[in-house]
Amino acid sequence: MDKTESPIQETIRFRVPKLPLLAVLAGIVLLLAGCKPVVRTDTNDVLPGRKWSYTNKLKATFTISDPAVAYNLSFRFRHTASYAYSDLYILVHHYYPGQKKLTKRYHIPVAGADGIWLGSGSGNLYTCVFPIIRNGRFPRAGNYTIEIEQNMKDNPLREITDGGISLEPAER
C-alpha cells in the first residue's frame, strides 16, 4: 500500500471483482439466444376533420413467427363529447395466411344508459379500448392483416378523431 492510499481505498479496490470482457459478452449472447421474438403492434391513424368514412379503414399488418404465443388484439379510438351516438358498430376484417377473409361485426357501447361516456376522458376527448381477441393464438406462422371499418348508418361518421389497433402478448 502506498502512503498516498488510504486503507479504505485499498479495500474497495480489491473487493470489486473484474470480469473478463469475453465472459460478459458470452453471457449477453446466451440471454439473447433464449429470448423468442415477440410481436407488438400499435397503430394510430388520425381521421381528417374528425370524420370516419366507410372507405377509410384502420389497418395493422404483422408477422407471427410462433403460433404458440398467445396475444391480445384491441381496437382503440377517440371521440369528442359531440359524438352523436351511445354506441359504435364496426366491421373487423381478418386476413390470415392461406385463408379467406373473415369479417365479424362488433357492437361497442360508448355511453351508459345515463348518457355518461364510458371511455377515459380528458377535456372534450374520450378514449375507448375494445378487446377483439383475448388470450388468442394465431393458427400458423405468417403475415396477418387486420382492418377495421366503421359500420354505422352515417357516412362519414362525425366526431371520431382517431383510431388504432394494438397487438401485444397476453399475460401468462
Protein backbone atom coordinates (compact mmCIF):
# COMPACT_ATOMS: atom_id res chain seq x y z
CA MET A 1 0.00 0.00 0.00
CA ASP A 2 1.32 3.42 -0.97
CA LYS A 3 1.42 6.13 1.65
CA THR A 4 -0.98 8.16 -0.55
CA GLU A 5 -3.67 5.44 -0.49
CA SER A 6 -5.97 5.07 2.49
CA PRO A 7 -6.88 1.61 3.82
CA ILE A 8 -10.48 2.20 2.63
CA GLN A 9 -9.39 2.79 -0.99
CA GLU A 10 -7.32 -0.38 -0.91
CA THR A 11 -10.26 -2.42 0.42
CA ILE A 12 -12.63 -1.12 -2.23
CA ARG A 13 -10.14 -1.81 -4.99
CA PHE A 14 -9.79 -5.48 -4.02
CA ARG A 15 -13.49 -6.16 -3.30
CA VAL A 16 -14.71 -5.25 -6.79
CA PRO A 17 -14.18 -8.31 -8.99
CA LYS A 18 -13.28 -7.67 -12.60
CA LEU A 19 -14.90 -9.99 -15.13
CA PRO A 20 -13.16 -10.57 -18.40
CA LEU A 21 -14.90 -8.84 -21.28
CA LEU A 22 -15.31 -12.15 -23.09
CA ALA A 23 -17.32 -13.64 -20.20
CA VAL A 24 -19.68 -10.64 -20.13
CA LEU A 25 -20.24 -10.84 -23.89
CA ALA A 26 -20.86 -14.58 -23.70
CA GLY A 27 -23.50 -14.01 -21.00
CA ILE A 28 -25.31 -11.42 -23.11
CA VAL A 29 -25.31 -13.72 -26.14
CA LEU A 30 -26.75 -16.58 -24.06
CA LEU A 31 -29.51 -14.36 -22.68
CA LEU A 32 -30.49 -13.12 -26.12
CA ALA A 33 -30.41 -16.61 -27.61
CA GLY A 34 -33.02 -17.76 -25.10
CA CYS A 35 -35.48 -14.99 -25.99
CA LYS A 36 -38.22 -15.69 -28.51
CA PRO A 37 -39.20 -12.84 -30.79
CA VAL A 38 -42.49 -11.35 -29.60
CA VAL A 39 -44.66 -9.28 -31.89
CA ARG A 40 -46.02 -5.96 -30.69
CA THR A 41 -48.02 -3.68 -32.94
CA ASP A 42 -49.62 -0.38 -32.06
CA THR A 43 -51.10 1.75 -34.83
CA ASN A 44 -52.95 5.04 -34.62
CA ASP A 45 -54.46 6.86 -37.58
CA VAL A 46 -55.81 10.41 -37.32
CA LEU A 47 -59.15 10.78 -39.09
CA PRO A 48 -59.11 14.05 -41.04
CA GLY A 49 -61.76 16.52 -39.96
CA ARG A 50 -62.95 14.14 -37.22
CA LYS A 51 -64.85 12.16 -39.88
CA TRP A 52 -64.60 8.39 -40.35
CA SER A 53 -65.86 7.21 -43.74
CA TYR A 54 -66.57 3.64 -44.84
CA THR A 55 -63.58 3.69 -47.16
CA ASN A 56 -61.14 4.94 -44.51
CA LYS A 57 -60.28 1.58 -42.90
CA LEU A 58 -57.85 1.35 -39.99
CA LYS A 59 -55.21 -1.28 -40.76
CA ALA A 60 -52.44 -3.19 -38.99
CA THR A 61 -50.14 -5.78 -40.56
CA PHE A 62 -47.84 -8.00 -38.52
CA THR A 63 -45.88 -11.25 -38.77
CA ILE A 64 -46.43 -14.15 -36.38
CA SER A 65 -43.40 -16.41 -36.15
CA ASP A 66 -44.51 -18.59 -33.22
CA PRO A 67 -48.18 -19.70 -33.22
CA ALA A 68 -47.81 -21.00 -29.64
CA VAL A 69 -47.64 -17.43 -28.25
CA ALA A 70 -51.00 -16.03 -27.08
CA TYR A 71 -51.93 -12.43 -27.93
CA ASN A 72 -54.46 -9.74 -27.09
CA LEU A 73 -55.80 -7.71 -30.01
CA SER A 74 -57.61 -4.45 -29.24
CA PHE A 75 -59.27 -1.59 -31.10
CA ARG A 76 -58.70 1.88 -29.63
CA PHE A 77 -60.48 5.03 -30.73
CA ARG A 78 -61.13 8.54 -29.50
CA HIS A 79 -64.26 10.63 -29.89
CA THR A 80 -65.32 14.11 -28.85
CA ALA A 81 -68.16 14.98 -26.48
CA SER A 82 -70.13 15.95 -29.61
CA TYR A 83 -70.28 12.32 -30.83
CA ALA A 84 -73.98 11.76 -31.58
CA TYR A 85 -74.39 8.12 -30.51
CA SER A 86 -74.12 5.98 -27.39
CA ASP A 87 -72.52 3.12 -29.32
CA LEU A 88 -70.36 2.26 -32.30
CA TYR A 89 -70.65 -0.63 -34.74
CA ILE A 90 -67.51 -1.81 -36.53
CA LEU A 91 -66.58 -4.49 -39.03
CA VAL A 92 -63.29 -6.27 -38.36
CA HIS A 93 -61.75 -7.96 -41.38
CA HIS A 94 -59.19 -10.69 -40.59
CA TYR A 95 -56.76 -11.67 -43.36
CA TYR A 96 -54.94 -14.83 -42.28
CA PRO A 97 -52.29 -16.63 -44.36
CA GLY A 98 -53.78 -19.28 -46.61
CA GLN A 99 -57.39 -18.49 -45.62
CA LYS A 100 -60.26 -16.43 -46.99
CA LYS A 101 -61.07 -13.07 -45.42
CA LEU A 102 -63.10 -13.42 -42.23
CA THR A 103 -65.34 -10.49 -41.26
CA LYS A 104 -67.05 -10.06 -37.92
CA ARG A 105 -69.33 -7.24 -36.73
CA TYR A 106 -68.92 -5.82 -33.22
CA HIS A 107 -71.10 -3.55 -31.10
CA ILE A 108 -69.17 -1.19 -28.83
CA PRO A 109 -71.03 0.70 -26.08
CA VAL A 110 -69.66 4.24 -25.90
CA ALA A 111 -72.03 5.73 -23.28
CA GLY A 112 -74.06 4.25 -20.45
CA ALA A 113 -77.88 4.35 -20.19
CA ASP A 114 -77.44 7.56 -18.18
CA GLY A 115 -75.60 9.21 -21.10
CA ILE A 116 -72.23 9.28 -19.32
CA TRP A 117 -69.30 8.45 -21.62
CA LEU A 118 -67.68 5.10 -20.80
CA GLY A 119 -64.18 5.87 -22.09
CA SER A 120 -61.49 7.71 -20.17
CA GLY A 121 -61.72 11.43 -20.78
CA SER A 122 -59.50 14.44 -20.96
CA GLY A 123 -61.28 17.68 -21.66
CA ASN A 124 -63.52 17.19 -24.69
CA LEU A 125 -61.84 13.94 -25.81
CA TYR A 126 -62.70 10.39 -24.73
CA THR A 127 -60.62 7.26 -25.33
CA CYS A 128 -62.26 3.84 -25.67
CA VAL A 129 -60.44 0.50 -25.85
CA PHE A 130 -62.34 -2.54 -27.09
CA PRO A 131 -60.85 -6.07 -26.93
CA ILE A 132 -61.27 -8.05 -30.14
CA ILE A 133 -59.20 -11.11 -29.18
CA ARG A 134 -58.22 -12.01 -25.61
CA ASN A 135 -55.51 -14.58 -24.96
CA GLY A 136 -55.84 -15.90 -28.51
CA ARG A 137 -53.39 -17.74 -30.71
CA PHE A 138 -52.94 -17.31 -34.42
CA PRO A 139 -53.29 -20.61 -36.31
CA ARG A 140 -49.95 -20.58 -38.15
CA ALA A 141 -46.80 -18.59 -38.72
CA GLY A 142 -47.09 -15.92 -41.39
CA ASN A 143 -48.27 -12.43 -42.23
CA TYR A 144 -51.59 -11.22 -40.84
CA THR A 145 -53.63 -8.09 -41.56
CA ILE A 146 -56.48 -6.67 -39.53
CA GLU A 147 -58.72 -3.95 -40.98
CA ILE A 148 -61.41 -2.11 -39.07
CA GLU A 149 -64.15 -0.07 -40.70
CA GLN A 150 -66.99 1.85 -39.13
CA ASN A 151 -70.42 0.28 -39.72
CA MET A 152 -72.83 2.99 -38.61
CA LYS A 153 -75.63 4.46 -40.76
CA ASP A 154 -73.79 7.81 -41.05
CA ASN A 155 -71.10 8.11 -43.69
CA PRO A 156 -68.91 9.79 -42.74
CA LEU A 157 -69.29 9.21 -39.02
CA ARG A 158 -68.56 12.52 -37.31
CA GLU A 159 -66.58 13.29 -34.15
CA ILE A 160 -64.32 10.21 -34.19
CA THR A 161 -60.86 11.80 -34.08
CA ASP A 162 -58.55 8.80 -34.48
CA GLY A 163 -58.32 5.05 -34.11
CA GLY A 164 -55.81 2.27 -33.96
CA ILE A 165 -55.11 -1.41 -33.49
CA SER A 166 -52.96 -2.84 -30.72
CA LEU A 167 -51.45 -6.34 -30.60
CA GLU A 168 -49.47 -7.47 -27.57
CA PRO A 169 -48.54 -10.75 -25.90
CA ALA A 170 -51.15 -11.98 -23.44
CA GLU A 171 -50.23 -12.19 -19.76
CA ARG A 172 -49.27 -15.69 -18.74
